[in-house]
Amino acid sequence: MILNKGLWFGKGTVLVEEASLGEAVELDIEVVEDQEGYTISGRLLEAYSGEVSIRVAPNDVGTYTVDARVSGVGLDGIGKLESEPNLILLWNENQTLSVSVTLFVTGNGIGCRGFLKEENRILTWEMLITLKQQAIKGDNVISFTRRKR
């Protein structure tokens, strides 16, 4: 998975179909790794705001199971996260909303592009996600890396 453990910040735009200008969006998340997978939690900020909680775990068929709650919307899905680009497909329980997300490494961080389709509405977004701070665990570990606030 491209998004490793640590604190991440994303900044980009969301474009509603037939709109000429995008709306600013920011993402402030923490990625935590455990024995069963990854937990991604944080907030969306700016024009689209709300809590983000995503659980990613490998499954028996070589892909990843994704369980997400974004701004109060529950989504389930599947991801191909072993190689670039990382690709995720999500949908709601009634299958009236679907989301595709692609993550890829850029020179400045991680690029994130995606589509959301809900009935007659389509959104697209682009975002650059950068590492704020690498997650360090240990009782006797000291980080000399400057921390951004």
N, C-alpha and C. Protein backbone atom coordinates (compact mmCIF):
# COMPACT_ATOMS: atom_id res chain seq x y z
N MET A 1 0.85 -1.18 0.00
CA MET A 1 0.00 0.00 0.00
C MET A 1 0.90 1.24 0.00
N ILE A 2 0.57 2.18 -0.87
CA ILE A 2 1.39 3.39 -1.02
C ILE A 2 1.33 4.27 0.22
N LEU A 3 0.15 4.43 0.83
CA LEU A 3 0.02 5.25 2.04
C LEU A 3 0.54 4.45 3.23
N ASN A 4 1.76 4.71 3.64
CA ASN A 4 2.35 4.03 4.79
C ASN A 4 1.89 4.68 6.08
N LYS A 5 2.21 4.03 7.20
CA LYS A 5 1.81 4.60 8.49
C LYS A 5 2.45 5.96 8.70
N GLY A 6 1.69 6.82 9.34
CA GLY A 6 2.17 8.17 9.60
C GLY A 6 1.03 9.17 9.53
N LEU A 7 1.39 10.44 9.66
CA LEU A 7 0.44 11.54 9.57
C LEU A 7 0.56 12.16 8.17
N TRP A 8 -0.57 12.31 7.49
CA TRP A 8 -0.59 12.78 6.11
C TRP A 8 -1.51 13.98 5.95
N PHE A 9 -1.19 14.85 4.98
CA PHE A 9 -2.03 16.00 4.66
C PHE A 9 -2.22 16.06 3.16
N GLY A 10 -3.46 16.23 2.72
CA GLY A 10 -3.75 16.32 1.29
C GLY A 10 -4.44 17.63 0.96
N LYS A 11 -4.17 18.11 -0.25
CA LYS A 11 -4.78 19.36 -0.70
C LYS A 11 -5.08 19.20 -2.18
N GLY A 12 -6.31 19.58 -2.56
CA GLY A 12 -6.67 19.46 -3.95
C GLY A 12 -7.99 20.13 -4.27
N THR A 13 -8.64 19.66 -5.35
CA THR A 13 -9.90 20.23 -5.77
C THR A 13 -10.89 19.13 -6.12
N VAL A 14 -12.16 19.46 -5.95
CA VAL A 14 -13.28 18.62 -6.35
C VAL A 14 -14.03 19.37 -7.43
N LEU A 15 -14.34 18.68 -8.51
CA LEU A 15 -15.05 19.30 -9.62
C LEU A 15 -16.38 18.59 -9.82
N VAL A 16 -17.46 19.33 -9.73
CA VAL A 16 -18.80 18.80 -10.01
C VAL A 16 -19.00 18.84 -11.51
N GLU A 17 -19.60 17.77 -12.06
CA GLU A 17 -19.84 17.69 -13.50
C GLU A 17 -20.54 18.95 -14.00
N GLU A 18 -20.07 19.46 -15.12
CA GLU A 18 -20.58 20.66 -15.79
C GLU A 18 -20.21 21.96 -15.08
N ALA A 19 -19.41 21.91 -14.01
CA ALA A 19 -18.92 23.13 -13.36
C ALA A 19 -17.61 23.52 -14.01
N SER A 20 -17.32 24.81 -14.03
CA SER A 20 -16.09 25.27 -14.66
C SER A 20 -14.94 25.40 -13.67
N LEU A 21 -15.25 25.59 -12.39
CA LEU A 21 -14.21 25.74 -11.38
C LEU A 21 -14.37 24.67 -10.31
N GLY A 22 -13.24 24.18 -9.83
CA GLY A 22 -13.26 23.20 -8.75
C GLY A 22 -13.35 23.88 -7.39
N GLU A 23 -13.77 23.11 -6.40
CA GLU A 23 -13.84 23.60 -5.03
C GLU A 23 -12.68 23.00 -4.24
N ALA A 24 -12.07 23.80 -3.37
CA ALA A 24 -10.92 23.34 -2.59
C ALA A 24 -11.34 22.26 -1.60
N VAL A 25 -10.48 21.29 -1.42
CA VAL A 25 -10.69 20.24 -0.43
C VAL A 25 -9.33 19.90 0.20
N GLU A 26 -9.36 19.62 1.50
CA GLU A 26 -8.14 19.22 2.22
C GLU A 26 -8.44 17.96 3.00
N LEU A 27 -7.40 17.19 3.24
CA LEU A 27 -7.51 15.93 3.95
C LEU A 27 -6.41 15.87 5.00
N ASP A 28 -6.78 15.58 6.24
CA ASP A 28 -5.83 15.46 7.34
C ASP A 28 -6.07 14.10 7.98
N ILE A 29 -5.14 13.14 7.77
CA ILE A 29 -5.36 11.77 8.21
C ILE A 29 -4.15 11.18 8.92
N GLU A 30 -4.42 10.11 9.65
CA GLU A 30 -3.37 9.28 10.24
C GLU A 30 -3.58 7.86 9.75
N VAL A 31 -2.48 7.23 9.32
CA VAL A 31 -2.52 5.84 8.88
C VAL A 31 -1.80 5.01 9.94
N VAL A 32 -2.52 4.01 10.48
CA VAL A 32 -1.98 3.13 11.51
C VAL A 32 -1.99 1.71 10.96
N GLU A 33 -0.89 1.01 11.12
CA GLU A 33 -0.79 -0.38 10.65
C GLU A 33 -0.81 -1.32 11.85
N ASP A 34 -1.56 -2.42 11.73
CA ASP A 34 -1.54 -3.47 12.74
C ASP A 34 -1.39 -4.82 12.04
N GLN A 35 -1.54 -5.91 12.78
CA GLN A 35 -1.32 -7.24 12.21
C GLN A 35 -2.34 -7.60 11.13
N GLU A 36 -3.54 -7.03 11.20
CA GLU A 36 -4.59 -7.38 10.25
C GLU A 36 -4.74 -6.42 9.08
N GLY A 37 -4.05 -5.29 9.10
CA GLY A 37 -4.19 -4.34 8.00
C GLY A 37 -3.90 -2.92 8.42
N TYR A 38 -4.67 -1.98 7.85
CA TYR A 38 -4.45 -0.56 8.07
C TYR A 38 -5.75 0.11 8.50
N THR A 39 -5.63 1.12 9.36
CA THR A 39 -6.75 1.98 9.71
C THR A 39 -6.35 3.40 9.34
N ILE A 40 -7.21 4.06 8.57
CA ILE A 40 -6.99 5.44 8.14
C ILE A 40 -8.10 6.27 8.76
N SER A 41 -7.72 7.26 9.56
CA SER A 41 -8.74 8.09 10.21
C SER A 41 -8.32 9.55 10.18
N GLY A 42 -9.32 10.43 10.13
CA GLY A 42 -9.05 11.86 10.11
C GLY A 42 -10.25 12.64 9.65
N ARG A 43 -9.97 13.74 8.93
CA ARG A 43 -11.05 14.65 8.52
C ARG A 43 -10.82 15.18 7.11
N LEU A 44 -11.94 15.40 6.42
CA LEU A 44 -11.95 16.20 5.20
C LEU A 44 -12.26 17.63 5.62
N LEU A 45 -11.62 18.61 4.99
CA LEU A 45 -11.79 20.02 5.35
C LEU A 45 -12.13 20.83 4.11
N GLU A 46 -12.51 22.05 4.30
CA GLU A 46 -12.87 23.02 3.26
C GLU A 46 -14.28 22.76 2.75
N ALA A 47 -14.48 22.81 1.42
CA ALA A 47 -15.82 22.71 0.84
C ALA A 47 -16.51 21.39 1.19
N TYR A 48 -15.77 20.32 1.23
CA TYR A 48 -16.31 19.02 1.59
C TYR A 48 -15.68 18.64 2.93
N SER A 49 -16.47 18.65 3.99
CA SER A 49 -15.91 18.39 5.30
C SER A 49 -16.63 17.22 5.96
N GLY A 50 -15.92 16.55 6.86
CA GLY A 50 -16.50 15.44 7.60
C GLY A 50 -15.43 14.47 8.04
N GLU A 51 -15.84 13.54 8.85
CA GLU A 51 -14.93 12.53 9.39
C GLU A 51 -14.61 11.47 8.33
N VAL A 52 -13.40 10.93 8.40
CA VAL A 52 -12.96 9.85 7.52
C VAL A 52 -12.50 8.69 8.40
N SER A 53 -13.03 7.51 8.16
CA SER A 53 -12.61 6.31 8.86
C SER A 53 -12.61 5.16 7.87
N ILE A 54 -11.44 4.60 7.59
CA ILE A 54 -11.31 3.56 6.57
C ILE A 54 -10.50 2.40 7.15
N ARG A 55 -10.99 1.20 6.95
CA ARG A 55 -10.27 -0.01 7.36
C ARG A 55 -9.91 -0.79 6.10
N VAL A 56 -8.63 -1.13 5.96
CA VAL A 56 -8.12 -1.85 4.79
C VAL A 56 -7.43 -3.11 5.30
N ALA A 57 -7.87 -4.27 4.79
CA ALA A 57 -7.30 -5.55 5.23
C ALA A 57 -7.17 -6.50 4.05
N PRO A 58 -6.07 -7.26 3.98
CA PRO A 58 -5.93 -8.24 2.89
C PRO A 58 -6.99 -9.32 3.01
N ASN A 59 -7.44 -9.84 1.86
CA ASN A 59 -8.41 -10.94 1.88
C ASN A 59 -7.79 -12.21 1.30
N ASP A 60 -8.59 -13.23 1.14
CA ASP A 60 -8.09 -14.55 0.72
C ASP A 60 -7.82 -14.67 -0.77
N VAL A 61 -8.19 -13.68 -1.57
CA VAL A 61 -8.04 -13.80 -3.02
C VAL A 61 -6.98 -12.87 -3.60
N GLY A 62 -6.12 -12.30 -2.76
CA GLY A 62 -5.01 -11.47 -3.25
C GLY A 62 -5.33 -10.00 -3.42
N THR A 63 -6.50 -9.58 -3.00
CA THR A 63 -6.85 -8.16 -3.03
C THR A 63 -7.07 -7.70 -1.60
N TYR A 64 -7.62 -6.52 -1.42
CA TYR A 64 -7.86 -5.97 -0.09
C TYR A 64 -9.35 -5.65 0.06
N THR A 65 -9.88 -5.92 1.23
CA THR A 65 -11.24 -5.53 1.58
C THR A 65 -11.18 -4.14 2.19
N VAL A 66 -12.06 -3.25 1.74
CA VAL A 66 -12.06 -1.87 2.21
C VAL A 66 -13.44 -1.57 2.80
N ASP A 67 -13.44 -1.09 4.04
CA ASP A 67 -14.66 -0.68 4.74
C ASP A 67 -14.47 0.78 5.11
N ALA A 68 -15.27 1.67 4.52
CA ALA A 68 -15.05 3.11 4.70
C ALA A 68 -16.31 3.82 5.19
N ARG A 69 -16.09 4.84 5.99
CA ARG A 69 -17.14 5.78 6.37
C ARG A 69 -16.55 7.16 6.14
N VAL A 70 -17.13 7.88 5.18
CA VAL A 70 -16.65 9.21 4.81
C VAL A 70 -17.81 10.18 4.89
N SER A 71 -17.67 11.17 5.76
CA SER A 71 -18.72 12.18 5.98
C SER A 71 -20.08 11.53 6.24
N GLY A 72 -20.08 10.47 7.03
CA GLY A 72 -21.33 9.81 7.42
C GLY A 72 -21.87 8.81 6.42
N VAL A 73 -21.21 8.62 5.28
CA VAL A 73 -21.66 7.68 4.27
C VAL A 73 -20.84 6.39 4.40
N GLY A 74 -21.54 5.26 4.57
CA GLY A 74 -20.88 3.98 4.68
C GLY A 74 -20.65 3.37 3.30
N LEU A 75 -19.41 2.93 3.05
CA LEU A 75 -19.03 2.35 1.77
C LEU A 75 -18.25 1.06 2.00
N ASP A 76 -18.48 0.07 1.17
CA ASP A 76 -17.71 -1.16 1.17
C ASP A 76 -17.04 -1.29 -0.18
N GLY A 77 -15.96 -2.07 -0.22
CA GLY A 77 -15.32 -2.22 -1.51
C GLY A 77 -14.13 -3.13 -1.51
N ILE A 78 -13.36 -2.98 -2.57
CA ILE A 78 -12.22 -3.84 -2.83
C ILE A 78 -11.09 -2.98 -3.37
N GLY A 79 -9.86 -3.38 -3.08
CA GLY A 79 -8.72 -2.63 -3.56
C GLY A 79 -7.63 -3.53 -4.09
N LYS A 80 -6.91 -3.04 -5.07
CA LYS A 80 -5.71 -3.69 -5.60
C LYS A 80 -4.56 -2.80 -5.18
N LEU A 81 -3.84 -3.21 -4.10
CA LEU A 81 -2.89 -2.32 -3.45
C LEU A 81 -1.46 -2.85 -3.43
N GLU A 82 -1.18 -3.91 -4.15
CA GLU A 82 0.15 -4.50 -4.13
C GLU A 82 1.13 -3.79 -5.07
N SER A 83 0.63 -3.10 -6.09
CA SER A 83 1.50 -2.42 -7.04
C SER A 83 0.86 -1.10 -7.46
N GLU A 84 1.66 -0.27 -8.11
CA GLU A 84 1.16 1.03 -8.56
C GLU A 84 0.46 0.90 -9.90
N PRO A 85 -0.53 1.70 -10.14
CA PRO A 85 -1.21 2.53 -9.16
C PRO A 85 -2.10 1.70 -8.25
N ASN A 86 -2.29 2.15 -7.01
CA ASN A 86 -3.26 1.51 -6.13
C ASN A 86 -4.65 1.90 -6.64
N LEU A 87 -5.54 0.93 -6.71
CA LEU A 87 -6.88 1.17 -7.24
C LEU A 87 -7.91 0.63 -6.27
N ILE A 88 -8.92 1.45 -5.96
CA ILE A 88 -9.97 1.07 -5.01
C ILE A 88 -11.32 1.37 -5.65
N LEU A 89 -12.27 0.43 -5.49
CA LEU A 89 -13.64 0.61 -5.94
C LEU A 89 -14.55 0.43 -4.73
N LEU A 90 -15.41 1.42 -4.48
CA LEU A 90 -16.30 1.42 -3.31
C LEU A 90 -17.74 1.63 -3.76
N TRP A 91 -18.70 1.15 -2.96
CA TRP A 91 -20.11 1.35 -3.23
C TRP A 91 -20.88 1.34 -1.91
N ASN A 92 -22.06 1.97 -1.91
CA ASN A 92 -22.88 1.95 -0.71
C ASN A 92 -23.76 0.69 -0.70
N GLU A 93 -24.46 0.46 0.39
CA GLU A 93 -25.24 -0.77 0.55
C GLU A 93 -26.32 -0.92 -0.52
N ASN A 94 -26.98 0.18 -0.87
CA ASN A 94 -28.04 0.14 -1.88
C ASN A 94 -27.51 0.17 -3.31
N GLN A 95 -26.22 0.31 -3.46
CA GLN A 95 -25.54 0.41 -4.75
C GLN A 95 -26.07 1.57 -5.60
N THR A 96 -26.41 2.66 -4.92
CA THR A 96 -26.83 3.88 -5.61
C THR A 96 -25.69 4.89 -5.70
N LEU A 97 -24.57 4.58 -5.04
CA LEU A 97 -23.40 5.45 -5.03
C LEU A 97 -22.17 4.58 -5.25
N SER A 98 -21.31 4.98 -6.18
CA SER A 98 -20.06 4.25 -6.40
C SER A 98 -18.91 5.25 -6.47
N VAL A 99 -17.75 4.79 -6.02
CA VAL A 99 -16.56 5.64 -5.94
C VAL A 99 -15.36 4.84 -6.44
N SER A 100 -14.55 5.45 -7.29
CA SER A 100 -13.28 4.85 -7.67
C SER A 100 -12.16 5.80 -7.24
N VAL A 101 -11.08 5.24 -6.72
CA VAL A 101 -9.95 6.02 -6.22
C VAL A 101 -8.66 5.39 -6.74
N THR A 102 -7.75 6.22 -7.21
CA THR A 102 -6.44 5.78 -7.65
C THR A 102 -5.38 6.57 -6.88
N LEU A 103 -4.40 5.85 -6.33
CA LEU A 103 -3.26 6.46 -5.64
C LEU A 103 -1.99 6.10 -6.40
N PHE A 104 -1.09 7.08 -6.57
CA PHE A 104 0.14 6.86 -7.31
C PHE A 104 1.21 7.81 -6.79
N VAL A 105 2.46 7.38 -6.87
CA VAL A 105 3.58 8.18 -6.38
C VAL A 105 3.92 9.26 -7.40
N THR A 106 4.11 10.49 -6.90
CA THR A 106 4.58 11.60 -7.72
C THR A 106 5.90 12.09 -7.15
N GLY A 107 6.53 13.05 -7.78
CA GLY A 107 7.77 13.61 -7.27
C GLY A 107 7.59 14.36 -5.97
N ASN A 108 6.37 14.82 -5.67
CA ASN A 108 6.13 15.64 -4.48
C ASN A 108 5.35 14.92 -3.40
N GLY A 109 4.94 13.69 -3.61
CA GLY A 109 4.13 12.97 -2.63
C GLY A 109 3.33 11.87 -3.30
N ILE A 110 2.07 11.76 -2.91
CA ILE A 110 1.18 10.75 -3.46
C ILE A 110 0.01 11.46 -4.14
N GLY A 111 -0.21 11.13 -5.39
CA GLY A 111 -1.34 11.67 -6.12
C GLY A 111 -2.58 10.83 -5.85
N CYS A 112 -3.71 11.49 -5.76
CA CYS A 112 -4.99 10.80 -5.54
C CYS A 112 -6.00 11.39 -6.53
N ARG A 113 -6.56 10.53 -7.36
CA ARG A 113 -7.61 10.95 -8.29
C ARG A 113 -8.79 10.02 -8.12
N GLY A 114 -9.98 10.56 -8.35
CA GLY A 114 -11.13 9.70 -8.20
C GLY A 114 -12.39 10.24 -8.81
N PHE A 115 -13.39 9.36 -8.86
CA PHE A 115 -14.72 9.67 -9.35
C PHE A 115 -15.74 9.21 -8.33
N LEU A 116 -16.82 9.96 -8.20
CA LEU A 116 -17.96 9.56 -7.39
C LEU A 116 -19.19 9.73 -8.27
N LYS A 117 -20.02 8.69 -8.33
CA LYS A 117 -21.27 8.75 -9.09
C LYS A 117 -22.41 8.38 -8.16
N GLU A 118 -23.37 9.28 -8.06
CA GLU A 118 -24.56 9.05 -7.26
C GLU A 118 -25.76 9.52 -8.07
N GLU A 119 -26.59 8.57 -8.49
CA GLU A 119 -27.75 8.85 -9.33
C GLU A 119 -27.33 9.72 -10.51
N ASN A 120 -27.76 10.99 -10.57
CA ASN A 120 -27.44 11.86 -11.71
C ASN A 120 -26.29 12.81 -11.44
N ARG A 121 -25.54 12.59 -10.36
CA ARG A 121 -24.47 13.50 -9.97
C ARG A 121 -23.12 12.79 -10.11
N ILE A 122 -22.16 13.48 -10.70
CA ILE A 122 -20.80 12.95 -10.83
C ILE A 122 -19.81 13.99 -10.32
N LEU A 123 -18.92 13.55 -9.43
CA LEU A 123 -17.83 14.40 -8.92
C LEU A 123 -16.51 13.76 -9.33
N THR A 124 -15.51 14.60 -9.59
CA THR A 124 -14.15 14.11 -9.77
C THR A 124 -13.25 14.92 -8.85
N TRP A 125 -12.12 14.35 -8.48
CA TRP A 125 -11.18 15.10 -7.65
C TRP A 125 -9.75 14.72 -7.97
N GLU A 126 -8.88 15.65 -7.63
CA GLU A 126 -7.43 15.47 -7.69
C GLU A 126 -6.85 16.04 -6.41
N MET A 127 -5.88 15.34 -5.86
CA MET A 127 -5.31 15.78 -4.59
C MET A 127 -3.85 15.32 -4.52
N LEU A 128 -3.02 16.13 -3.91
CA LEU A 128 -1.65 15.74 -3.59
C LEU A 128 -1.59 15.50 -2.09
N ILE A 129 -1.16 14.31 -1.71
CA ILE A 129 -1.07 13.93 -0.30
C ILE A 129 0.41 13.83 0.07
N THR A 130 0.80 14.56 1.13
CA THR A 130 2.20 14.56 1.56
C THR A 130 2.31 14.11 3.01
N LEU A 131 3.42 13.51 3.32
CA LEU A 131 3.68 13.02 4.67
C LEU A 131 4.00 14.18 5.59
N LYS A 132 3.22 14.31 6.67
CA LYS A 132 3.50 15.33 7.68
C LYS A 132 4.53 14.82 8.67
N GLN A 133 4.34 13.57 9.12
CA GLN A 133 5.25 12.98 10.10
C GLN A 133 5.15 11.48 10.04
N GLN A 134 6.29 10.83 9.99
CA GLN A 134 6.33 9.37 10.02
C GLN A 134 5.94 8.89 11.41
N ALA A 135 5.09 7.89 11.49
CA ALA A 135 4.69 7.33 12.79
C ALA A 135 5.85 6.52 13.36
N ILE A 136 6.23 6.84 14.57
CA ILE A 136 7.33 6.16 15.24
C ILE A 136 6.80 5.57 16.53
N LYS A 137 7.08 4.29 16.74
CA LYS A 137 6.64 3.64 17.97
C LYS A 137 7.87 3.10 18.70
N GLY A 138 7.84 3.18 20.01
CA GLY A 138 8.92 2.64 20.81
C GLY A 138 9.11 3.47 22.05
N ASP A 139 9.46 2.81 23.14
CA ASP A 139 9.63 3.52 24.40
C ASP A 139 10.88 4.37 24.43
N ASN A 140 11.91 3.97 23.68
CA ASN A 140 13.17 4.68 23.76
C ASN A 140 13.58 5.29 22.42
N VAL A 141 12.59 5.64 21.58
CA VAL A 141 12.88 6.21 20.27
C VAL A 141 12.68 7.72 20.31
N ILE A 142 13.67 8.44 19.81
CA ILE A 142 13.59 9.89 19.73
C ILE A 142 13.67 10.28 18.27
N SER A 143 12.76 11.13 17.83
CA SER A 143 12.76 11.59 16.45
C SER A 143 13.42 12.95 16.37
N PHE A 144 14.38 13.10 15.46
CA PHE A 144 15.04 14.37 15.25
C PHE A 144 14.45 15.10 14.05
N THR A 145 13.40 14.54 13.45
CA THR A 145 12.73 15.15 12.32
C THR A 145 11.86 16.29 12.80
N ARG A 146 11.91 17.41 12.09
CA ARG A 146 11.06 18.54 12.43
C ARG A 146 9.61 18.16 12.21
N ARG A 147 8.78 18.49 13.15
CA ARG A 147 7.34 18.20 13.04
C ARG A 147 6.62 19.44 12.53
N LYS A 148 5.76 19.23 11.53
CA LYS A 148 4.93 20.32 11.01
C LYS A 148 3.65 20.40 11.84
N ARG A 149 3.14 21.58 12.00
CA ARG A 149 1.88 21.74 12.74
C ARG A 149 0.77 22.09 11.82
